[in-house]
Amino acid sequence: MSGMSRGAFGRVTPDAVREATGRDPQAWFAALDAVGASRWRHDQIIAHLARAEGLTSDWWRQAVAVSYEQARGARVVGQTADVGFQIGVQLTVQAGVAEAWELLVTEPELWLGSGAAVDFERGRRYELPVGPDGTNEPGASGEIRAIRAGYRLRMTWQPADWPAPATLQLTLLESRSGNTALHAHLERLPDAQTREAMRAHWRAMLERIAAEFE
């Protein structure tokens, strides 16, 4: 069995994957190998994980599928099915889901940058000024695409010097300890270099959120 690609799991440990999904990465890869998933399209793997494996979280289905494809050489690390690039970052917040969600929507400057004022309703647009502390340099704009209170926020996010917007999704999942696993997933990034920069950026943003509960 080949070693696991870090891939869509990013910095998520095998133990964290097991806690969230019931299996560690190698067990997922073995299960998918057993049904011949290395020959399947991405959407077929996703459908199998939902129907046959009972994996209810869309975020985890994507993470398992993409990491499996990367481990089996089906795609470049960080590359999405539509030839963009993606990153996934997770951090545990020492707070319940309701409390963590409240902070996200009432203090967006913590994770979007200085001067952020966002109306979290579907279809609303927002613009971020250039931040004096560099957190949102060189400014950004986007649109709220979907919102499910206490669970998921999906929006576009486009720094001023990017040719097209990325899609940002924040997902909150309650852990067994009663804390919150906060996932940031960014897709449609322009290239691999940007992917690495965004991994560091969004890790720092999640750490700022977590610090509020320490």
Protein backbone atom coordinates (compact mmCIF):
# COMPACT_ATOMS: atom_id res chain seq x y z
CA MET A 1 0.00 0.00 0.00
CA SER A 2 1.50 3.33 -0.96
CA GLY A 3 1.88 6.12 1.59
CA MET A 4 -0.88 8.61 2.02
CA SER A 5 -0.77 11.83 0.05
CA ARG A 6 -1.42 14.79 2.36
CA GLY A 7 -3.84 16.03 -0.31
CA ALA A 8 -7.27 17.25 0.66
CA PHE A 9 -6.73 16.17 4.27
CA GLY A 10 -4.10 18.92 4.54
CA ARG A 11 -2.89 19.02 8.15
CA VAL A 12 -5.72 16.85 9.45
CA THR A 13 -4.21 13.89 11.31
CA PRO A 14 -5.21 10.26 10.62
CA ASP A 15 -6.72 10.14 14.13
CA ALA A 16 -8.88 13.18 13.36
CA VAL A 17 -10.04 11.59 10.10
CA ARG A 18 -10.93 8.40 12.00
CA GLU A 19 -12.84 10.34 14.66
CA ALA A 20 -14.86 12.25 12.08
CA THR A 21 -15.50 9.47 9.56
CA GLY A 22 -15.03 6.16 11.37
CA ARG A 23 -11.91 5.21 9.37
CA ASP A 24 -8.39 6.49 9.03
CA PRO A 25 -7.10 7.47 5.55
CA GLN A 26 -5.45 4.12 4.78
CA ALA A 27 -8.62 2.26 5.71
CA TRP A 28 -10.63 4.49 3.37
CA PHE A 29 -8.13 3.91 0.57
CA ALA A 30 -8.30 0.13 1.10
CA ALA A 31 -12.10 0.19 1.07
CA LEU A 32 -12.16 2.17 -2.17
CA ASP A 33 -9.54 -0.09 -3.76
CA ALA A 34 -11.70 -3.10 -2.87
CA VAL A 35 -14.57 -1.80 -5.01
CA GLY A 36 -12.37 -0.72 -7.92
CA ALA A 37 -12.77 3.01 -7.30
CA SER A 38 -9.39 3.80 -8.88
CA ARG A 39 -11.15 3.41 -12.26
CA TRP A 40 -14.11 5.62 -11.35
CA ARG A 41 -14.84 9.26 -12.07
CA HIS A 42 -14.78 11.71 -9.17
CA ASP A 43 -18.58 11.96 -9.03
CA GLN A 44 -18.90 8.17 -8.89
CA ILE A 45 -16.58 8.01 -5.87
CA ILE A 46 -18.59 10.75 -4.15
CA ALA A 47 -21.84 8.90 -4.83
CA HIS A 48 -20.40 5.64 -3.47
CA LEU A 49 -19.20 7.33 -0.29
CA ALA A 50 -22.67 8.77 0.25
CA ARG A 51 -24.76 5.72 -0.58
CA ALA A 52 -22.71 2.64 0.22
CA GLU A 53 -20.45 4.02 2.93
CA GLY A 54 -22.95 6.34 4.63
CA LEU A 55 -20.54 9.27 4.76
CA THR A 56 -23.01 12.10 5.38
CA SER A 57 -20.68 15.12 5.38
CA ASP A 58 -20.11 16.63 1.93
CA TRP A 59 -16.81 18.11 3.15
CA TRP A 60 -15.51 14.70 4.25
CA ARG A 61 -16.74 12.96 1.10
CA GLN A 62 -14.76 15.44 -0.97
CA ALA A 63 -11.71 15.12 1.29
CA VAL A 64 -11.72 11.31 1.14
CA ALA A 65 -12.34 11.21 -2.62
CA VAL A 66 -9.72 13.80 -3.57
CA SER A 67 -7.06 12.35 -1.26
CA TYR A 68 -7.75 8.88 -2.67
CA GLU A 69 -7.42 10.17 -6.24
CA GLN A 70 -4.17 11.88 -5.36
CA ALA A 71 -2.80 8.77 -3.65
CA ARG A 72 -3.63 6.70 -6.74
CA GLY A 73 -2.16 9.26 -9.15
CA ALA A 74 -5.46 10.38 -10.64
CA ARG A 75 -4.84 14.09 -10.03
CA VAL A 76 -2.20 16.63 -9.10
CA VAL A 77 -2.10 17.35 -5.39
CA GLY A 78 -4.47 20.24 -4.69
CA GLN A 79 -6.08 20.15 -8.12
CA THR A 80 -9.86 20.00 -8.40
CA ALA A 81 -11.88 18.06 -10.94
CA ASP A 82 -12.45 21.21 -13.00
CA VAL A 83 -8.69 21.92 -13.31
CA GLY A 84 -8.59 24.47 -10.52
CA PHE A 85 -6.68 24.07 -7.27
CA GLN A 86 -8.00 23.73 -3.74
CA ILE A 87 -6.94 23.71 -0.12
CA GLY A 88 -8.59 22.44 3.03
CA VAL A 89 -7.67 23.56 6.53
CA GLN A 90 -9.16 22.36 9.79
CA LEU A 91 -8.82 23.61 13.34
CA THR A 92 -10.62 22.64 16.54
CA VAL A 93 -12.22 25.56 18.34
CA GLN A 94 -12.74 25.31 22.09
CA ALA A 95 -16.40 26.27 21.87
CA GLY A 96 -19.75 24.81 20.89
CA VAL A 97 -21.04 25.10 17.33
CA ALA A 98 -23.59 27.82 18.16
CA GLU A 99 -20.98 29.97 19.87
CA ALA A 100 -18.43 29.50 17.07
CA TRP A 101 -21.04 30.33 14.41
CA GLU A 102 -22.06 33.48 16.26
CA LEU A 103 -18.47 34.69 16.24
CA LEU A 104 -18.08 33.98 12.51
CA VAL A 105 -21.07 36.07 11.47
CA THR A 106 -20.74 38.89 13.99
CA GLU A 107 -16.98 39.42 13.75
CA PRO A 108 -16.00 38.72 10.12
CA GLU A 109 -12.94 40.94 10.45
CA LEU A 110 -11.31 38.09 12.39
CA TRP A 111 -11.19 35.86 9.31
CA LEU A 112 -11.82 38.13 6.32
CA GLY A 113 -9.59 41.01 7.35
CA SER A 114 -9.65 44.55 8.72
CA GLY A 115 -12.70 46.60 7.84
CA ALA A 116 -14.87 43.63 6.88
CA ALA A 117 -18.57 44.43 7.10
CA VAL A 118 -20.67 41.63 5.65
CA ASP A 119 -24.42 41.06 5.52
CA PHE A 120 -24.62 37.28 5.72
CA GLU A 121 -27.59 36.72 3.45
CA ARG A 122 -27.65 34.77 0.21
CA GLY A 123 -26.92 36.98 -2.81
CA ARG A 124 -25.35 39.81 -0.81
CA ARG A 125 -22.07 41.19 -2.08
CA TYR A 126 -19.24 42.53 0.05
CA GLU A 127 -15.98 44.40 -0.47
CA LEU A 128 -12.92 44.51 1.74
CA PRO A 129 -10.62 47.52 1.82
CA VAL A 130 -6.86 47.16 1.72
CA GLY A 131 -5.98 46.31 5.31
CA PRO A 132 -3.45 48.44 7.17
CA ASP A 133 -2.13 45.34 8.93
CA GLY A 134 -1.81 43.36 5.71
CA THR A 135 -4.43 40.74 6.63
CA ASN A 136 -6.55 41.40 3.57
CA GLU A 137 -3.96 42.96 1.27
CA PRO A 138 -4.69 43.96 -1.51
CA GLY A 139 -8.39 44.02 -0.71
CA ALA A 140 -11.03 41.55 -1.86
CA SER A 141 -14.66 41.21 -2.87
CA GLY A 142 -17.24 38.48 -3.23
CA GLU A 143 -20.80 37.28 -2.85
CA ILE A 144 -22.60 35.13 -0.29
CA ARG A 145 -23.75 32.05 -2.21
CA ALA A 146 -25.30 29.83 0.48
CA ILE A 147 -25.77 29.96 4.21
CA ARG A 148 -27.03 27.34 6.63
CA ALA A 149 -26.94 28.81 10.12
CA GLY A 150 -24.83 26.86 12.56
CA TYR A 151 -23.38 24.61 9.87
CA ARG A 152 -22.10 26.03 6.59
CA LEU A 153 -21.26 29.28 4.83
CA ARG A 154 -20.37 29.34 1.14
CA MET A 155 -19.17 32.48 -0.62
CA THR A 156 -16.92 33.72 -3.39
CA TRP A 157 -13.68 35.45 -2.45
CA GLN A 158 -11.57 37.39 -4.94
CA PRO A 159 -8.50 39.44 -4.02
CA ALA A 160 -8.21 42.53 -6.20
CA ASP A 161 -5.28 41.14 -8.18
CA TRP A 162 -6.89 37.77 -9.05
CA PRO A 163 -8.42 37.25 -12.50
CA ALA A 164 -11.38 35.22 -11.18
CA PRO A 165 -12.98 34.47 -7.81
CA ALA A 166 -12.29 31.45 -5.67
CA THR A 167 -15.06 29.72 -3.72
CA LEU A 168 -14.70 29.68 0.05
CA GLN A 169 -16.69 27.30 2.23
CA LEU A 170 -16.64 27.29 6.03
CA THR A 171 -18.15 24.26 7.73
CA LEU A 172 -18.69 23.72 11.46
CA LEU A 173 -18.99 20.20 12.86
CA GLU A 174 -19.46 19.27 16.50
CA SER A 175 -16.73 16.99 17.83
CA ARG A 176 -17.25 14.20 20.35
CA SER A 177 -15.79 16.43 23.03
CA GLY A 178 -18.45 19.08 22.41
CA ASN A 179 -16.01 21.46 20.75
CA THR A 180 -16.20 22.57 17.11
CA ALA A 181 -14.16 21.33 14.17
CA LEU A 182 -13.96 24.33 11.85
CA HIS A 183 -13.13 23.57 8.21
CA ALA A 184 -12.10 26.14 5.62
CA HIS A 185 -12.18 24.86 2.05
CA LEU A 186 -11.08 27.07 -0.84
CA GLU A 187 -11.39 25.95 -4.45
CA ARG A 188 -10.92 27.36 -7.96
CA LEU A 189 -7.52 28.76 -7.06
CA PRO A 190 -5.50 29.85 -10.09
CA ASP A 191 -2.31 27.81 -9.58
CA ALA A 192 -0.26 25.64 -7.23
CA GLN A 193 1.79 28.56 -5.92
CA THR A 194 -1.36 30.41 -4.89
CA ARG A 195 -2.65 27.22 -3.27
CA GLU A 196 0.31 27.09 -0.91
CA ALA A 197 -0.01 30.77 -0.02
CA MET A 198 -3.71 30.34 0.67
CA ARG A 199 -3.11 27.31 2.86
CA ALA A 200 -0.94 29.45 5.15
CA HIS A 201 -3.33 32.40 4.96
CA TRP A 202 -6.45 30.48 5.95
CA ARG A 203 -4.62 28.52 8.61
CA ALA A 204 -3.73 31.87 10.18
CA MET A 205 -7.32 33.06 9.89
CA LEU A 206 -8.65 29.96 11.68
CA GLU A 207 -6.05 30.42 14.39
CA ARG A 208 -7.33 33.96 14.94
CA ILE A 209 -10.83 32.59 15.44
CA ALA A 210 -9.63 29.86 17.80
CA ALA A 211 -7.68 32.40 19.85
CA GLU A 212 -10.93 34.15 20.74
CA PHE A 213 -11.98 31.12 22.78
CA GLU A 214 -8.69 30.43 24.55
